[in-house]
Amino acid sequence: MSNAPTKSFTHTHVLKENGTVEFRCSADSEAWPWLKLPVHHPTAVQAVHFWASVGASIAAGTFDTEKWSALTWTQWEIGERDAGQPVRGRMVRLEAQNGKRDETGERLGYQLAMFDAEDRLAYEVEGKGVIFRTRDFPAWRSEAKSKAGISGGEKAFAYAPSALAGIEEFGVPLLSPLQGRAAPRADALITAENGLPPGHPYLDGSGDHVNSTHLSEAATQFLSLCREGAPFRVTGGEMRFTHYVELGVPFTIEQAEKSEGAMAMQITQNDTPCCIASLRFEKL
């Protein structure tokens, strides 16, 4: 079973002697709808992150089409405020932590730097993950999904108003209205119908699980709910993944920590902690 992608966001790859990969990016917003988002929107950043890292890894010969991988951690920082959509990028592969493998596979790490048409830094992204070399990934995921259970669907789920979720101009609400003020929380439900094409205008994924792009979108909507829809721009963030979040199964986002211009959130599904997401932002 191959996990090779059927399309490529990056092209004109150049592999340097030190392993660095330089590349150009597609500007086709019909093929890549998230290019219609503001360049620094976390969902756009995470979409570029995924496709650019996959494309550069294939060019470097480090992408194994017969094995599956999982992102375990990522952080990003925006560059120049006036930068446009990236037209080129650079990926540097990092040494695996401690140079060792764990019981599930090989650890990997990389850094991405993305630049616009005027050569301004749009943002930098760093990621770490693991390649499952000894695990029967499809069978393991099938068992996990059957244990998680599937919800009754979106009809039984009340989503927050788009204005409060910060998506009046684009997007689809993924979260319930905010619950509580002292300790804010919200429920979320991402399904194949509202989280993948054609139901969502710019989110995409494998269809196997809720991915990092979905979770960055959910975290951004949660921050908007906590701010009662007041405008802001995310300037950076971090996500640490400890468990898959399943499609079609409700999950919870709650505020874990808050300070001026920053918020950390805990994402939980079926009483299992799945992700800690932190966003830094500035008011607009």
Protein backbone atom coordinates (compact mmCIF):
# COMPACT_ATOMS: atom_id res chain seq x y z
CA MET A 1 0.00 0.00 0.00
CA SER A 2 1.61 3.26 -1.14
CA ASN A 3 1.18 6.67 0.48
CA ALA A 4 2.72 8.53 -2.44
CA PRO A 5 0.90 11.83 -3.16
CA THR A 6 -0.87 12.16 -6.51
CA LYS A 7 -0.13 15.89 -6.91
CA SER A 8 2.66 18.30 -6.01
CA PHE A 9 2.53 21.86 -4.68
CA THR A 10 6.29 22.30 -5.18
CA HIS A 11 8.40 22.04 -8.33
CA THR A 12 11.84 22.86 -9.75
CA HIS A 13 13.57 21.21 -6.81
CA VAL A 14 17.32 21.62 -6.36
CA LEU A 15 19.10 19.24 -4.00
CA LYS A 16 22.28 20.73 -2.52
CA GLU A 17 25.32 18.71 -1.45
CA ASN A 18 24.53 19.37 2.22
CA GLY A 19 21.01 17.90 1.83
CA THR A 20 19.19 21.23 1.66
CA VAL A 21 16.37 21.30 -0.90
CA GLU A 22 15.36 24.53 -2.63
CA PHE A 23 12.11 24.64 -4.59
CA ARG A 24 9.44 26.76 -6.26
CA CYS A 25 5.74 26.78 -5.31
CA SER A 26 2.52 26.65 -7.29
CA ALA A 27 0.43 29.84 -7.42
CA ASP A 28 -2.71 28.03 -8.64
CA SER A 29 -5.39 28.89 -6.06
CA GLU A 30 -7.92 26.66 -7.80
CA ALA A 31 -5.71 23.62 -7.33
CA TRP A 32 -4.63 24.80 -3.85
CA PRO A 33 -7.65 26.72 -2.44
CA TRP A 34 -5.96 27.67 0.85
CA LEU A 35 -3.81 30.10 -1.17
CA LYS A 36 -6.91 32.32 -1.06
CA LEU A 37 -6.46 32.71 2.70
CA PRO A 38 -4.33 35.50 4.20
CA VAL A 39 -0.70 34.41 3.89
CA HIS A 40 -0.13 34.25 7.67
CA HIS A 41 -3.34 32.39 8.50
CA PRO A 42 -2.32 29.29 10.52
CA THR A 43 -4.33 27.00 8.26
CA ALA A 44 -2.54 28.30 5.15
CA VAL A 45 0.82 27.97 6.92
CA GLN A 46 0.11 24.36 7.92
CA ALA A 47 -1.13 23.46 4.42
CA VAL A 48 2.07 24.82 2.85
CA HIS A 49 4.04 23.11 5.61
CA PHE A 50 2.62 19.70 4.71
CA TRP A 51 2.86 19.93 0.94
CA ALA A 52 6.26 21.65 0.86
CA SER A 53 7.85 19.20 3.30
CA VAL A 54 6.47 16.21 1.36
CA GLY A 55 7.60 17.61 -1.99
CA ALA A 56 11.07 18.48 -0.72
CA SER A 57 11.43 15.08 0.98
CA ILE A 58 10.57 13.29 -2.25
CA ALA A 59 13.16 15.41 -4.08
CA ALA A 60 15.75 14.58 -1.41
CA GLY A 61 15.00 10.85 -1.67
CA THR A 62 13.99 10.61 2.01
CA PHE A 63 10.25 10.03 1.47
CA ASP A 64 9.39 6.33 1.73
CA THR A 65 6.21 5.68 -0.27
CA GLU A 66 5.77 2.26 1.35
CA LYS A 67 5.82 3.55 4.94
CA TRP A 68 3.56 5.91 6.85
CA SER A 69 4.61 8.83 8.98
CA ALA A 70 3.07 11.11 11.60
CA LEU A 71 3.82 14.68 12.59
CA THR A 72 4.48 14.83 16.34
CA TRP A 73 5.46 18.49 16.79
CA THR A 74 5.59 21.71 14.83
CA GLN A 75 6.20 25.39 15.47
CA TRP A 76 6.11 28.41 13.19
CA GLU A 77 6.85 32.12 13.18
CA ILE A 78 5.69 34.67 10.64
CA GLY A 79 8.28 36.80 8.86
CA GLU A 80 7.64 40.21 7.37
CA ARG A 81 4.10 41.49 8.00
CA ASP A 82 3.70 42.67 4.39
CA ALA A 83 4.96 39.46 2.77
CA GLY A 84 2.79 37.84 0.14
CA GLN A 85 2.10 34.18 -0.61
CA PRO A 86 5.32 32.15 -0.86
CA VAL A 87 6.66 31.46 -4.34
CA ARG A 88 9.79 29.61 -3.26
CA GLY A 89 11.17 27.82 -0.22
CA ARG A 90 14.03 25.93 1.35
CA MET A 91 13.99 22.79 3.50
CA VAL A 92 16.83 21.74 5.76
CA ARG A 93 16.65 18.25 7.23
CA LEU A 94 17.61 18.01 10.90
CA GLU A 95 19.32 15.11 12.63
CA ALA A 96 16.98 12.77 14.46
CA GLN A 97 16.78 13.44 18.17
CA ASN A 98 19.67 11.56 19.82
CA GLY A 99 20.20 9.82 16.49
CA LYS A 100 18.07 6.88 17.68
CA ARG A 101 14.94 5.09 16.64
CA ASP A 102 12.10 4.22 19.00
CA GLU A 103 9.90 1.13 18.94
CA THR A 104 7.59 2.55 16.25
CA GLY A 105 10.02 3.86 13.70
CA GLU A 106 12.53 6.49 12.76
CA ARG A 107 12.38 10.03 14.12
CA LEU A 108 12.81 12.87 11.66
CA GLY A 109 13.02 16.63 11.75
CA TYR A 110 13.25 19.55 9.32
CA GLN A 111 13.05 23.32 8.95
CA LEU A 112 11.23 25.22 6.21
CA ALA A 113 11.71 28.84 5.18
CA MET A 114 9.19 30.30 2.71
CA PHE A 115 9.71 33.49 0.64
CA ASP A 116 7.39 35.64 -1.48
CA ALA A 117 7.91 37.06 -4.99
CA GLU A 118 9.88 40.02 -3.59
CA ASP A 119 12.13 37.64 -1.64
CA ARG A 120 10.61 38.61 1.70
CA LEU A 121 10.43 35.94 4.39
CA ALA A 122 6.77 34.92 4.73
CA TYR A 123 7.30 32.46 7.60
CA GLU A 124 9.51 29.74 9.00
CA VAL A 125 8.24 26.33 10.09
CA GLU A 126 9.95 23.56 12.00
CA GLY A 127 8.59 20.05 12.33
CA LYS A 128 9.38 16.69 13.88
CA GLY A 129 7.75 13.36 13.24
CA VAL A 130 8.13 9.62 13.15
CA ILE A 131 8.12 7.03 10.33
CA PHE A 132 6.28 3.82 11.18
CA ARG A 133 8.70 1.18 9.93
CA THR A 134 7.63 -1.80 12.05
CA ARG A 135 3.90 -1.16 12.49
CA ASP A 136 1.07 -2.31 10.18
CA PHE A 137 -0.27 1.22 9.90
CA PRO A 138 -3.55 0.57 7.99
CA ALA A 139 -4.57 -2.27 10.34
CA TRP A 140 -3.59 -0.26 13.43
CA ARG A 141 -5.57 2.77 12.25
CA SER A 142 -8.61 0.67 11.34
CA GLU A 143 -8.73 -0.76 14.86
CA ALA A 144 -8.27 2.67 16.45
CA LYS A 145 -11.09 4.19 14.40
CA SER A 146 -13.50 1.38 15.22
CA LYS A 147 -12.79 1.81 18.95
CA ALA A 148 -13.30 5.59 18.78
CA GLY A 149 -16.83 5.32 17.42
CA ILE A 150 -18.61 7.63 14.99
CA SER A 151 -20.96 10.41 16.04
CA GLY A 152 -24.53 10.88 14.88
CA GLY A 153 -23.30 13.46 12.41
CA GLU A 154 -23.42 17.20 12.00
CA LYS A 155 -27.23 17.41 12.25
CA ALA A 156 -27.03 16.74 15.99
CA PHE A 157 -24.18 19.23 16.50
CA ALA A 158 -24.79 22.97 16.99
CA TYR A 159 -21.97 25.02 15.46
CA ALA A 160 -20.99 28.53 16.55
CA PRO A 161 -21.95 31.54 14.38
CA SER A 162 -19.38 32.28 11.68
CA ALA A 163 -18.91 35.85 12.93
CA LEU A 164 -17.77 34.67 16.37
CA ALA A 165 -15.57 31.96 14.85
CA GLY A 166 -13.83 34.63 12.77
CA ILE A 167 -14.76 33.13 9.41
CA GLU A 168 -17.48 35.41 8.02
CA GLU A 169 -15.54 35.90 4.78
CA PHE A 170 -14.40 32.32 4.36
CA GLY A 171 -14.51 28.92 5.97
CA VAL A 172 -16.88 26.67 7.83
CA PRO A 173 -17.52 26.66 11.60
CA LEU A 174 -16.06 23.56 13.23
CA LEU A 175 -16.72 24.37 16.92
CA SER A 176 -19.73 24.78 19.17
CA PRO A 177 -20.45 28.10 20.88
CA LEU A 178 -18.07 28.86 23.75
CA GLN A 179 -18.89 27.27 27.09
CA GLY A 180 -17.76 29.08 30.23
CA ARG A 181 -15.71 32.23 30.70
CA ALA A 182 -13.41 31.51 33.63
CA ALA A 183 -12.28 28.27 31.97
CA PRO A 184 -13.39 28.54 28.33
CA ARG A 185 -14.04 25.38 26.36
CA ALA A 186 -15.86 24.34 23.21
CA ASP A 187 -16.80 21.10 21.56
CA ALA A 188 -15.76 20.40 17.98
CA LEU A 189 -16.81 18.03 15.25
CA ILE A 190 -14.84 17.63 12.02
CA THR A 191 -16.25 15.15 9.54
CA ALA A 192 -15.57 14.12 5.97
CA GLU A 193 -18.49 16.38 5.02
CA ASN A 194 -17.34 19.62 6.68
CA GLY A 195 -13.57 19.08 6.79
CA LEU A 196 -12.74 17.82 3.31
CA PRO A 197 -13.57 18.84 -0.28
CA PRO A 198 -16.10 19.64 -1.59
CA GLY A 199 -17.79 20.50 1.71
CA HIS A 200 -14.99 22.74 2.92
CA PRO A 201 -13.60 25.49 0.66
CA TYR A 202 -9.93 25.08 1.61
CA LEU A 203 -9.35 22.26 4.11
CA ASP A 204 -8.13 18.91 2.81
CA GLY A 205 -6.51 15.73 4.07
CA SER A 206 -6.09 12.01 3.67
CA GLY A 207 -9.52 11.25 5.12
CA ASP A 208 -7.91 8.95 7.67
CA HIS A 209 -7.97 11.38 10.60
CA VAL A 210 -8.18 15.01 11.68
CA ASN A 211 -4.80 16.42 10.63
CA SER A 212 -2.58 19.32 11.72
CA THR A 213 -4.25 21.70 9.26
CA HIS A 214 -7.68 20.89 10.71
CA LEU A 215 -6.41 21.37 14.26
CA SER A 216 -4.74 24.70 13.46
CA GLU A 217 -8.06 25.86 12.01
CA ALA A 218 -9.95 24.64 15.08
CA ALA A 219 -7.47 26.35 17.43
CA THR A 220 -7.77 29.61 15.48
CA GLN A 221 -11.57 29.45 15.64
CA PHE A 222 -11.41 28.77 19.39
CA LEU A 223 -9.20 31.82 19.92
CA SER A 224 -11.72 33.87 17.92
CA LEU A 225 -14.59 32.58 20.08
CA CYS A 226 -12.68 33.56 23.22
CA ARG A 227 -12.21 37.05 21.73
CA GLU A 228 -15.91 37.25 20.78
CA GLY A 229 -14.98 37.63 17.13
CA ALA A 230 -12.62 40.60 17.61
CA PRO A 231 -10.04 40.61 14.76
CA PHE A 232 -6.47 39.44 15.29
CA ARG A 233 -3.48 38.08 13.40
CA VAL A 234 -1.64 34.96 14.52
CA THR A 235 2.11 35.65 14.55
CA GLY A 236 3.32 32.19 15.48
CA GLY A 237 2.41 29.00 17.23
CA GLU A 238 3.25 25.50 18.30
CA MET A 239 1.41 22.19 18.23
CA ARG A 240 2.42 18.96 19.95
CA PHE A 241 0.54 15.81 18.94
CA THR A 242 0.27 12.81 21.26
CA HIS A 243 -2.73 10.93 19.83
CA TYR A 244 -4.69 10.86 16.58
CA VAL A 245 -7.94 12.85 16.53
CA GLU A 246 -10.57 10.87 14.62
CA LEU A 247 -12.84 12.25 11.92
CA GLY A 248 -16.55 12.10 12.72
CA VAL A 249 -15.98 11.91 16.47
CA PRO A 250 -16.57 14.97 18.70
CA PHE A 251 -13.59 16.39 20.58
CA THR A 252 -13.04 19.20 23.06
CA ILE A 253 -10.83 22.30 23.04
CA GLU A 254 -10.25 24.10 26.31
CA GLN A 255 -8.03 26.95 27.39
CA ALA A 256 -4.97 25.63 29.18
CA GLU A 257 -3.07 28.87 29.70
CA LYS A 258 -3.50 32.49 28.70
CA SER A 259 -1.27 35.56 28.72
CA GLU A 260 -1.16 38.87 26.87
CA GLY A 261 -1.02 38.00 23.18
CA ALA A 262 -0.86 34.23 23.65
CA MET A 263 -3.09 31.26 24.43
CA ALA A 264 -2.42 27.54 24.94
CA MET A 265 -5.20 25.02 24.32
CA GLN A 266 -5.70 21.36 25.24
CA ILE A 267 -7.43 19.18 22.65
CA THR A 268 -9.05 16.01 24.01
CA GLN A 269 -11.10 13.25 22.41
CA ASN A 270 -12.84 10.45 24.29
CA ASP A 271 -11.08 11.60 27.50
CA THR A 272 -7.69 11.14 25.80
CA PRO A 273 -5.33 14.17 25.49
CA CYS A 274 -4.44 14.46 21.81
CA CYS A 275 -2.77 17.81 21.22
CA ILE A 276 -1.52 20.96 22.92
CA ALA A 277 -1.82 23.94 20.60
CA SER A 278 -0.40 27.39 21.40
CA LEU A 279 -1.03 30.52 19.36
CA ARG A 280 0.63 33.92 19.62
CA PHE A 281 -1.34 36.82 18.19
CA GLU A 282 -1.63 40.56 17.81
CA LYS A 283 -4.80 42.64 17.78
CA LEU A 284 -5.91 44.28 14.53
